[in-house]
Amino acid sequence: MEAHALTIRLTNKVEFPFLVLLISGGHCLLALVRGVSDFLLLGKSLDIAPGDMLDKVARRLSLIKHPECSTMSGGKAIEHLAKQGNRLHFDFQPPMQRAKNCDFSFSGLQHVIDKMIMQKEKEEGIEQGQVLSSAADIAAAVQHTVACHIAKRTHRALLFCKQRGFLRQSNAVLVVSGGVASNLYIRKALEIVTNATQCTLLCPPPRLCTDNGVMIAWNGVERLRAGLGILHNTEGIRYEPKCPLGVDISKEVGEAAIKVPRLKMKI
């Protein structure tokens, strides 16, 4: 997660502090990056990650059997098919609309979508495993709802950071990384947010968005330069399977209860 957050400094001249949104198949979080190893966690997914959810919806829609999507990953198939669909044919509500924090949730939305797909299969008289005629419309509606949910939480995080003086009032930087950052529709939704908040949106190139060795190596370079966490002897060191990212201030974000202005998501 630290490597994902710092990768942008390999390709762009980005100074601390900046806000990072990490969205992938395994993670979804918002953090203020104050230094190489100095993070404030503003919010995270309370259940599954957006990439995981999009993959599951693609599997449920049997998109691997769609002639245009057979070689694509689930998320890519949803993005591709969504271009042909009409999102207005289905009305999925973004999750956690009343929670004035920066946390995310995707499992409830996935459950609603699963029920809708089951209903459509009955209506079209097809069995599970066959491709629905409305698959493109469902893909478009799902992608839009996910994009709106991610955009609103990110909008609140930017407002919170500016309110607390963590980020500059203008020309603050939002970095979006992780596999889902390559989804251009979600990126456009985030562009609407950064334009409204006078921020700059930056994304590493797609090849550096997904998990890769280059970002880990760069993370090492950053730590070496800063003299942070450099061990010359590993004796007596405890290893942990999961490491929290920085200091969690998500409760403080929730208590601030920042109201987010409504933005028109015309994408």
C-alpha atoms as a PDB file:
ATOM      1  CA  MET A   1       0.000   0.000   0.000  1.00  0.00           C
ATOM      2  CA  GLU A   2       2.884   2.335   0.811  1.00  0.00           C
ATOM      3  CA  ALA A   3       4.518   1.479  -2.532  1.00  0.00           C
ATOM      4  CA  HIS A   4       1.271   2.185  -4.429  1.00  0.00           C
ATOM      5  CA  ALA A   5       1.040   5.583  -2.718  1.00  0.00           C
ATOM      6  CA  LEU A   6       4.631   6.587  -3.570  1.00  0.00           C
ATOM      7  CA  THR A   7       4.828   5.277  -7.171  1.00  0.00           C
ATOM      8  CA  ILE A   8       3.631   8.626  -8.554  1.00  0.00           C
ATOM      9  CA  ARG A   9       6.898  10.214  -7.343  1.00  0.00           C
ATOM     10  CA  LEU A  10       8.795   7.935  -9.736  1.00  0.00           C
ATOM     11  CA  THR A  11       6.987   9.339 -12.786  1.00  0.00           C
ATOM     12  CA  ASN A  12       5.940  12.856 -11.664  1.00  0.00           C
ATOM     13  CA  LYS A  13       7.454  15.617  -9.555  1.00  0.00           C
ATOM     14  CA  VAL A  14       5.065  15.443  -6.589  1.00  0.00           C
ATOM     15  CA  GLU A  15       5.895  17.035  -3.249  1.00  0.00           C
ATOM     16  CA  PHE A  16       4.434  16.027   0.115  1.00  0.00           C
ATOM     17  CA  PRO A  17       1.716  16.303   1.322  1.00  0.00           C
ATOM     18  CA  PHE A  18      -0.821  14.827  -1.097  1.00  0.00           C
ATOM     19  CA  LEU A  19      -3.977  12.719  -0.882  1.00  0.00           C
ATOM     20  CA  VAL A  20      -3.887   9.164  -2.207  1.00  0.00           C
ATOM     21  CA  LEU A  21      -6.847   7.020  -3.230  1.00  0.00           C
ATOM     22  CA  LEU A  22      -5.827   3.388  -3.545  1.00  0.00           C
ATOM     23  CA  ILE A  23      -8.446   1.318  -5.409  1.00  0.00           C
ATOM     24  CA  SER A  24      -7.716  -2.257  -6.460  1.00  0.00           C
ATOM     25  CA  GLY A  25      -8.973  -5.829  -6.269  1.00  0.00           C
ATOM     26  CA  GLY A  26      -7.772  -6.155  -2.692  1.00  0.00           C
ATOM     27  CA  HIS A  27      -7.740  -2.628  -1.274  1.00  0.00           C
ATOM     28  CA  CYS A  28      -9.768   0.558  -1.105  1.00  0.00           C
ATOM     29  CA  LEU A  29      -8.517   3.403   1.068  1.00  0.00           C
ATOM     30  CA  LEU A  30      -7.962   7.140   1.312  1.00  0.00           C
ATOM     31  CA  ALA A  31      -4.843   8.433   3.040  1.00  0.00           C
ATOM     32  CA  LEU A  32      -2.982  11.697   3.442  1.00  0.00           C
ATOM     33  CA  VAL A  33       0.662  11.169   2.513  1.00  0.00           C
ATOM     34  CA  ARG A  34       2.814  13.539   4.606  1.00  0.00           C
ATOM     35  CA  GLY A  35       6.141  11.808   3.997  1.00  0.00           C
ATOM     36  CA  VAL A  36       7.823   8.625   2.799  1.00  0.00           C
ATOM     37  CA  SER A  37       6.554   6.688   5.809  1.00  0.00           C
ATOM     38  CA  ASP A  38       4.107   9.219   7.258  1.00  0.00           C
ATOM     39  CA  PHE A  39       0.450   8.479   6.492  1.00  0.00           C
ATOM     40  CA  LEU A  40      -2.907   9.495   7.971  1.00  0.00           C
ATOM     41  CA  LEU A  41      -5.625   6.962   7.096  1.00  0.00           C
ATOM     42  CA  LEU A  42      -8.892   8.826   6.412  1.00  0.00           C
ATOM     43  CA  GLY A  43     -11.098   5.916   5.353  1.00  0.00           C
ATOM     44  CA  LYS A  44     -11.131   2.377   3.987  1.00  0.00           C
ATOM     45  CA  SER A  45     -13.535  -0.265   2.711  1.00  0.00           C
ATOM     46  CA  LEU A  46     -15.542  -1.863   5.502  1.00  0.00           C
ATOM     47  CA  ASP A  47     -15.969  -5.057   3.475  1.00  0.00           C
ATOM     48  CA  ILE A  48     -14.736  -5.893  -0.045  1.00  0.00           C
ATOM     49  CA  ALA A  49     -12.656  -3.856  -2.504  1.00  0.00           C
ATOM     50  CA  PRO A  50     -14.177  -2.295  -5.669  1.00  0.00           C
ATOM     51  CA  GLY A  51     -12.064  -4.429  -8.023  1.00  0.00           C
ATOM     52  CA  ASP A  52     -13.248  -7.575  -6.249  1.00  0.00           C
ATOM     53  CA  MET A  53     -16.866  -6.457  -6.556  1.00  0.00           C
ATOM     54  CA  LEU A  54     -16.579  -5.650 -10.286  1.00  0.00           C
ATOM     55  CA  ASP A  55     -14.960  -9.059 -10.900  1.00  0.00           C
ATOM     56  CA  LYS A  56     -17.795 -10.802  -9.041  1.00  0.00           C
ATOM     57  CA  VAL A  57     -20.479  -8.914 -10.993  1.00  0.00           C
ATOM     58  CA  ALA A  58     -18.712  -9.812 -14.267  1.00  0.00           C
ATOM     59  CA  ARG A  59     -18.673 -13.489 -13.218  1.00  0.00           C
ATOM     60  CA  ARG A  60     -22.350 -13.347 -12.223  1.00  0.00           C
ATOM     61  CA  LEU A  61     -23.162 -11.845 -15.640  1.00  0.00           C
ATOM     62  CA  SER A  62     -21.082 -14.642 -17.289  1.00  0.00           C
ATOM     63  CA  LEU A  63     -19.191 -12.036 -19.325  1.00  0.00           C
ATOM     64  CA  ILE A  64     -16.485 -14.604 -20.109  1.00  0.00           C
ATOM     65  CA  LYS A  65     -19.090 -16.056 -22.521  1.00  0.00           C
ATOM     66  CA  HIS A  66     -19.632 -12.673 -24.201  1.00  0.00           C
ATOM     67  CA  PRO A  67     -17.753 -12.679 -27.530  1.00  0.00           C
ATOM     68  CA  GLU A  68     -16.228  -9.232 -26.908  1.00  0.00           C
ATOM     69  CA  CYS A  69     -15.169  -9.919 -23.315  1.00  0.00           C
ATOM     70  CA  SER A  70     -13.918 -13.521 -23.304  1.00  0.00           C
ATOM     71  CA  THR A  71     -10.234 -12.609 -22.880  1.00  0.00           C
ATOM     72  CA  MET A  72     -10.732  -9.690 -20.474  1.00  0.00           C
ATOM     73  CA  SER A  73     -10.518  -9.529 -16.685  1.00  0.00           C
ATOM     74  CA  GLY A  74     -13.842  -8.922 -14.909  1.00  0.00           C
ATOM     75  CA  GLY A  75     -13.243  -5.217 -14.307  1.00  0.00           C
ATOM     76  CA  LYS A  76     -12.096  -4.615 -17.894  1.00  0.00           C
ATOM     77  CA  ALA A  77     -15.138  -6.512 -19.223  1.00  0.00           C
ATOM     78  CA  ILE A  78     -17.502  -4.315 -17.161  1.00  0.00           C
ATOM     79  CA  GLU A  79     -15.764  -1.149 -18.408  1.00  0.00           C
ATOM     80  CA  HIS A  80     -15.849  -2.320 -22.047  1.00  0.00           C
ATOM     81  CA  LEU A  81     -19.480  -3.449 -22.019  1.00  0.00           C
ATOM     82  CA  ALA A  82     -20.632  -0.369 -20.080  1.00  0.00           C
ATOM     83  CA  LYS A  83     -19.752   1.821 -23.111  1.00  0.00           C
ATOM     84  CA  GLN A  84     -22.533   0.050 -25.055  1.00  0.00           C
ATOM     85  CA  GLY A  85     -25.110   0.207 -22.266  1.00  0.00           C
ATOM     86  CA  ASN A  86     -27.587   2.727 -20.886  1.00  0.00           C
ATOM     87  CA  ARG A  87     -27.008   3.207 -17.147  1.00  0.00           C
ATOM     88  CA  LEU A  88     -30.430   4.855 -16.755  1.00  0.00           C
ATOM     89  CA  HIS A  89     -32.194   1.510 -17.355  1.00  0.00           C
ATOM     90  CA  PHE A  90     -31.201   0.423 -13.828  1.00  0.00           C
ATOM     91  CA  ASP A  91     -31.232   2.479 -10.657  1.00  0.00           C
ATOM     92  CA  PHE A  92     -28.636   1.306  -8.135  1.00  0.00           C
ATOM     93  CA  GLN A  93     -28.161   3.630  -5.166  1.00  0.00           C
ATOM     94  CA  PRO A  94     -24.600   4.453  -4.038  1.00  0.00           C
ATOM     95  CA  PRO A  95     -23.880   2.886  -0.620  1.00  0.00           C
ATOM     96  CA  MET A  96     -23.518   4.708   2.722  1.00  0.00           C
ATOM     97  CA  GLN A  97     -25.179   7.923   1.565  1.00  0.00           C
ATOM     98  CA  ARG A  98     -26.050   8.981   5.125  1.00  0.00           C
ATOM     99  CA  ALA A  99     -22.629   8.192   6.614  1.00  0.00           C
ATOM    100  CA  LYS A 100     -20.643  11.437   6.586  1.00  0.00           C
ATOM    101  CA  ASN A 101     -17.224   9.756   6.652  1.00  0.00           C
ATOM    102  CA  CYS A 102     -14.668   8.551   4.112  1.00  0.00           C
ATOM    103  CA  ASP A 103     -15.226   4.802   4.493  1.00  0.00           C
ATOM    104  CA  PHE A 104     -16.419   2.651   1.588  1.00  0.00           C
ATOM    105  CA  SER A 105     -18.703  -0.362   1.245  1.00  0.00           C
ATOM    106  CA  PHE A 106     -19.365  -2.545  -1.785  1.00  0.00           C
ATOM    107  CA  SER A 107     -20.825  -5.872  -0.542  1.00  0.00           C
ATOM    108  CA  GLY A 108     -24.372  -4.517  -0.009  1.00  0.00           C
ATOM    109  CA  LEU A 109     -24.409  -3.064  -3.509  1.00  0.00           C
ATOM    110  CA  GLN A 110     -23.179  -6.376  -4.906  1.00  0.00           C
ATOM    111  CA  HIS A 111     -26.053  -8.175  -3.133  1.00  0.00           C
ATOM    112  CA  VAL A 112     -28.603  -5.758  -4.694  1.00  0.00           C
ATOM    113  CA  ILE A 113     -27.057  -6.296  -8.143  1.00  0.00           C
ATOM    114  CA  ASP A 114     -27.129 -10.105  -7.720  1.00  0.00           C
ATOM    115  CA  LYS A 115     -30.861  -9.929  -6.913  1.00  0.00           C
ATOM    116  CA  MET A 116     -31.482  -7.734  -9.963  1.00  0.00           C
ATOM    117  CA  ILE A 117     -29.594 -10.168 -12.234  1.00  0.00           C
ATOM    118  CA  MET A 118     -31.614 -13.097 -10.846  1.00  0.00           C
ATOM    119  CA  GLN A 119     -34.839 -11.177 -11.513  1.00  0.00           C
ATOM    120  CA  LYS A 120     -33.760 -10.383 -15.083  1.00  0.00           C
ATOM    121  CA  GLU A 121     -32.855 -14.039 -15.731  1.00  0.00           C
ATOM    122  CA  LYS A 122     -36.404 -15.014 -14.728  1.00  0.00           C
ATOM    123  CA  GLU A 123     -37.884 -12.296 -16.949  1.00  0.00           C
ATOM    124  CA  GLU A 124     -35.789 -13.336 -19.963  1.00  0.00           C
ATOM    125  CA  GLY A 125     -36.325 -17.029 -19.241  1.00  0.00           C
ATOM    126  CA  ILE A 126     -32.637 -17.923 -19.197  1.00  0.00           C
ATOM    127  CA  GLU A 127     -30.555 -19.963 -16.782  1.00  0.00           C
ATOM    128  CA  GLN A 128     -27.625 -18.736 -14.736  1.00  0.00           C
ATOM    129  CA  GLY A 129     -24.507 -18.945 -16.900  1.00  0.00           C
ATOM    130  CA  GLN A 130     -26.099 -17.423 -19.989  1.00  0.00           C
ATOM    131  CA  VAL A 131     -25.531 -13.783 -20.992  1.00  0.00           C
ATOM    132  CA  LEU A 132     -28.480 -11.429 -20.393  1.00  0.00           C
ATOM    133  CA  SER A 133     -29.622  -9.133 -23.202  1.00  0.00           C
ATOM    134  CA  SER A 134     -29.477  -6.319 -20.626  1.00  0.00           C
ATOM    135  CA  ALA A 135     -25.887  -7.135 -19.532  1.00  0.00           C
ATOM    136  CA  ALA A 136     -24.465  -3.913 -21.041  1.00  0.00           C
ATOM    137  CA  ASP A 137     -27.075  -1.755 -19.276  1.00  0.00           C
ATOM    138  CA  ILE A 138     -26.340  -3.495 -15.956  1.00  0.00           C
ATOM    139  CA  ALA A 139     -22.590  -3.027 -16.482  1.00  0.00           C
ATOM    140  CA  ALA A 140     -23.106   0.698 -17.202  1.00  0.00           C
ATOM    141  CA  ALA A 141     -25.305   1.199 -14.118  1.00  0.00           C
ATOM    142  CA  VAL A 142     -22.914  -0.736 -11.853  1.00  0.00           C
ATOM    143  CA  GLN A 143     -19.867   1.188 -13.074  1.00  0.00           C
ATOM    144  CA  HIS A 144     -21.624   4.551 -12.624  1.00  0.00           C
ATOM    145  CA  THR A 145     -22.772   3.700  -9.088  1.00  0.00           C
ATOM    146  CA  VAL A 146     -19.283   2.548  -8.049  1.00  0.00           C
ATOM    147  CA  ALA A 147     -17.752   5.689  -9.605  1.00  0.00           C
ATOM    148  CA  CYS A 148     -20.207   7.967  -7.750  1.00  0.00           C
ATOM    149  CA  HIS A 149     -19.553   6.221  -4.410  1.00  0.00           C
ATOM    150  CA  ILE A 150     -15.767   6.484  -4.794  1.00  0.00           C
ATOM    151  CA  ALA A 151     -15.993  10.099  -6.001  1.00  0.00           C
ATOM    152  CA  LYS A 152     -18.158  11.286  -3.095  1.00  0.00           C
ATOM    153  CA  ARG A 153     -15.926   9.745  -0.400  1.00  0.00           C
ATOM    154  CA  THR A 154     -12.853  11.230  -2.104  1.00  0.00           C
ATOM    155  CA  HIS A 155     -14.561  14.630  -2.340  1.00  0.00           C
ATOM    156  CA  ARG A 156     -15.183  14.553   1.437  1.00  0.00           C
ATOM    157  CA  ALA A 157     -11.549  13.570   2.091  1.00  0.00           C
ATOM    158  CA  LEU A 158     -10.289  16.546   0.053  1.00  0.00           C
ATOM    159  CA  LEU A 159     -12.640  18.929   1.885  1.00  0.00           C
ATOM    160  CA  PHE A 160     -11.593  17.508   5.280  1.00  0.00           C
ATOM    161  CA  CYS A 161      -7.875  17.869   4.493  1.00  0.00           C
ATOM    162  CA  LYS A 162      -8.313  21.443   3.335  1.00  0.00           C
ATOM    163  CA  GLN A 163     -10.471  22.311   6.359  1.00  0.00           C
ATOM    164  CA  ARG A 164      -7.772  20.994   8.710  1.00  0.00           C
ATOM    165  CA  GLY A 165      -4.956  22.673   6.789  1.00  0.00           C
ATOM    166  CA  PHE A 166      -3.447  19.323   5.759  1.00  0.00           C
ATOM    167  CA  LEU A 167      -3.583  20.315   2.071  1.00  0.00           C
ATOM    168  CA  ARG A 168      -3.280  23.648   0.242  1.00  0.00           C
ATOM    169  CA  GLN A 169      -6.554  25.390  -0.662  1.00  0.00           C
ATOM    170  CA  SER A 170      -5.639  25.345  -4.361  1.00  0.00           C
ATOM    171  CA  ASN A 171      -3.402  23.098  -6.467  1.00  0.00           C
ATOM    172  CA  ALA A 172      -3.526  20.237  -3.935  1.00  0.00           C
ATOM    173  CA  VAL A 173      -2.752  16.843  -5.481  1.00  0.00           C
ATOM    174  CA  LEU A 174      -4.953  13.731  -5.531  1.00  0.00           C
ATOM    175  CA  VAL A 175      -3.074  10.589  -6.557  1.00  0.00           C
ATOM    176  CA  VAL A 176      -5.154   7.607  -7.688  1.00  0.00           C
ATOM    177  CA  SER A 177      -3.374   4.266  -7.814  1.00  0.00           C
ATOM    178  CA  GLY A 178      -4.164   0.538  -7.883  1.00  0.00           C
ATOM    179  CA  GLY A 179      -5.652  -1.656 -10.616  1.00  0.00           C
ATOM    180  CA  VAL A 180      -9.080   0.050 -10.625  1.00  0.00           C
ATOM    181  CA  ALA A 181      -7.349   3.421 -11.248  1.00  0.00           C
ATOM    182  CA  SER A 182      -6.980   2.322 -14.887  1.00  0.00           C
ATOM    183  CA  ASN A 183     -10.804   2.461 -15.275  1.00  0.00           C
ATOM    184  CA  LEU A 184     -11.265   5.646 -17.333  1.00  0.00           C
ATOM    185  CA  TYR A 185     -14.906   6.132 -16.311  1.00  0.00           C
ATOM    186  CA  ILE A 186     -14.012   6.165 -12.602  1.00  0.00           C
ATOM    187  CA  ARG A 187     -11.085   8.446 -13.407  1.00  0.00           C
ATOM    188  CA  LYS A 188     -13.440  10.908 -15.154  1.00  0.00           C
ATOM    189  CA  ALA A 189     -15.724  10.928 -12.087  1.00  0.00           C
ATOM    190  CA  LEU A 190     -12.702  11.812  -9.956  1.00  0.00           C
ATOM    191  CA  GLU A 191     -11.723  14.546 -12.463  1.00  0.00           C
ATOM    192  CA  ILE A 192     -15.117  16.172 -11.837  1.00  0.00           C
ATOM    193  CA  VAL A 193     -14.267  16.193  -8.104  1.00  0.00           C
ATOM    194  CA  THR A 194     -10.745  17.598  -8.564  1.00  0.00           C
ATOM    195  CA  ASN A 195     -12.023  20.314 -10.926  1.00  0.00           C
ATOM    196  CA  ALA A 196     -14.663  21.326  -8.363  1.00  0.00           C
ATOM    197  CA  THR A 197     -12.082  21.463  -5.549  1.00  0.00           C
ATOM    198  CA  GLN A 198      -9.252  23.144  -7.539  1.00  0.00           C
ATOM    199  CA  CYS A 199      -7.045  20.077  -7.215  1.00  0.00           C
ATOM    200  CA  THR A 200      -4.817  18.181  -9.620  1.00  0.00           C
ATOM    201  CA  LEU A 201      -5.543  14.531 -10.405  1.00  0.00           C
ATOM    202  CA  LEU A 202      -2.515  12.320 -11.058  1.00  0.00           C
ATOM    203  CA  CYS A 203      -2.379   8.604 -11.874  1.00  0.00           C
ATOM    204  CA  PRO A 204       0.691   6.429 -12.448  1.00  0.00           C
ATOM    205  CA  PRO A 205       0.792   4.842 -15.940  1.00  0.00           C
ATOM    206  CA  PRO A 206      -1.397   1.684 -16.156  1.00  0.00           C
ATOM    207  CA  ARG A 207       1.627  -0.678 -16.044  1.00  0.00           C
ATOM    208  CA  LEU A 208       2.542   0.782 -12.621  1.00  0.00           C
ATOM    209  CA  CYS A 209      -1.049   0.857 -11.287  1.00  0.00           C
ATOM    210  CA  THR A 210      -1.331  -2.883 -10.720  1.00  0.00           C
ATOM    211  CA  ASP A 211       0.942  -4.745  -8.271  1.00  0.00           C
ATOM    212  CA  ASN A 212       4.464  -4.730  -9.684  1.00  0.00           C
ATOM    213  CA  GLY A 213       8.107  -5.053  -8.682  1.00  0.00           C
ATOM    214  CA  VAL A 214       9.037  -1.547  -9.876  1.00  0.00           C
ATOM    215  CA  MET A 215       6.864   0.137  -7.233  1.00  0.00           C
ATOM    216  CA  ILE A 216       8.377  -1.996  -4.449  1.00  0.00           C
ATOM    217  CA  ALA A 217      11.879  -1.146  -5.649  1.00  0.00           C
ATOM    218  CA  TRP A 218      10.964   2.573  -5.788  1.00  0.00           C
ATOM    219  CA  ASN A 219       9.536   2.347  -2.257  1.00  0.00           C
ATOM    220  CA  GLY A 220      12.945   0.988  -1.212  1.00  0.00           C
ATOM    221  CA  VAL A 221      14.734   3.868  -2.961  1.00  0.00           C
ATOM    222  CA  GLU A 222      12.496   6.400  -1.188  1.00  0.00           C
ATOM    223  CA  ARG A 223      13.143   4.793   2.210  1.00  0.00           C
ATOM    224  CA  LEU A 224      16.891   4.545   1.546  1.00  0.00           C
ATOM    225  CA  ARG A 225      17.086   8.229   0.622  1.00  0.00           C
ATOM    226  CA  ALA A 226      15.090   9.212   3.716  1.00  0.00           C
ATOM    227  CA  GLY A 227      17.034   6.803   5.955  1.00  0.00           C
ATOM    228  CA  LEU A 228      13.805   5.153   7.130  1.00  0.00           C
ATOM    229  CA  GLY A 229      13.429   1.489   8.096  1.00  0.00           C
ATOM    230  CA  ILE A 230      16.845   0.479   6.782  1.00  0.00           C
ATOM    231  CA  LEU A 231      17.979  -2.695   8.552  1.00  0.00           C
ATOM    232  CA  HIS A 232      21.530  -3.957   8.523  1.00  0.00           C
ATOM    233  CA  ASN A 233      20.680  -6.907  10.751  1.00  0.00           C
ATOM    234  CA  THR A 234      17.359  -8.796  10.703  1.00  0.00           C
ATOM    235  CA  GLU A 235      17.989 -10.714  13.919  1.00  0.00           C
ATOM    236  CA  GLY A 236      15.208 -10.337  16.471  1.00  0.00           C
ATOM    237  CA  ILE A 237      12.871  -8.660  13.966  1.00  0.00           C
ATOM    238  CA  ARG A 238       9.177  -9.631  14.183  1.00  0.00           C
ATOM    239  CA  TYR A 239       7.341 -10.208  10.895  1.00  0.00           C
ATOM    240  CA  GLU A 240       3.600  -9.553  10.588  1.00  0.00           C
ATOM    241  CA  PRO A 241       1.326 -10.713   7.750  1.00  0.00           C
ATOM    242  CA  LYS A 242      -0.624  -7.433   7.711  1.00  0.00           C
ATOM    243  CA  CYS A 243       0.689  -3.997   8.535  1.00  0.00           C
ATOM    244  CA  PRO A 244      -1.618  -1.003   9.120  1.00  0.00           C
ATOM    245  CA  LEU A 245      -0.955   2.015   6.920  1.00  0.00           C
ATOM    246  CA  GLY A 246      -0.021   4.984   9.111  1.00  0.00           C
ATOM    247  CA  VAL A 247      -2.224   6.499  11.815  1.00  0.00           C
ATOM    248  CA  ASP A 248      -5.970   5.854  11.520  1.00  0.00           C
ATOM    249  CA  ILE A 249      -7.897   9.124  11.933  1.00  0.00           C
ATOM    250  CA  SER A 250     -11.090   7.876  10.214  1.00  0.00           C
ATOM    251  CA  LYS A 251     -13.087   8.391  13.442  1.00  0.00           C
ATOM    252  CA  GLU A 252     -12.050  12.052  13.457  1.00  0.00           C
ATOM    253  CA  VAL A 253     -13.158  12.353   9.817  1.00  0.00           C
ATOM    254  CA  GLY A 254     -16.576  10.907  10.713  1.00  0.00           C
ATOM    255  CA  GLU A 255     -16.947  13.274  13.667  1.00  0.00           C
ATOM    256  CA  ALA A 256     -16.263  16.268  11.391  1.00  0.00           C
ATOM    257  CA  ALA A 257     -19.407  15.165   9.448  1.00  0.00           C
ATOM    258  CA  ILE A 258     -18.538  17.235   6.373  1.00  0.00           C
ATOM    259  CA  LYS A 259     -21.438  17.738   3.997  1.00  0.00           C
ATOM    260  CA  VAL A 260     -20.377  17.199   0.392  1.00  0.00           C
ATOM    261  CA  PRO A 261     -21.861  19.548  -2.257  1.00  0.00           C
ATOM    262  CA  ARG A 262     -23.777  17.709  -4.960  1.00  0.00           C
ATOM    263  CA  LEU A 263     -21.886  17.442  -8.231  1.00  0.00           C
ATOM    264  CA  LYS A 264     -23.358  16.554 -11.626  1.00  0.00           C
ATOM    265  CA  MET A 265     -21.697  13.338 -12.710  1.00  0.00           C
ATOM    266  CA  LYS A 266     -22.028  13.851 -16.457  1.00  0.00           C
ATOM    267  CA  ILE A 267     -19.487  11.374 -17.789  1.00  0.00           C
END
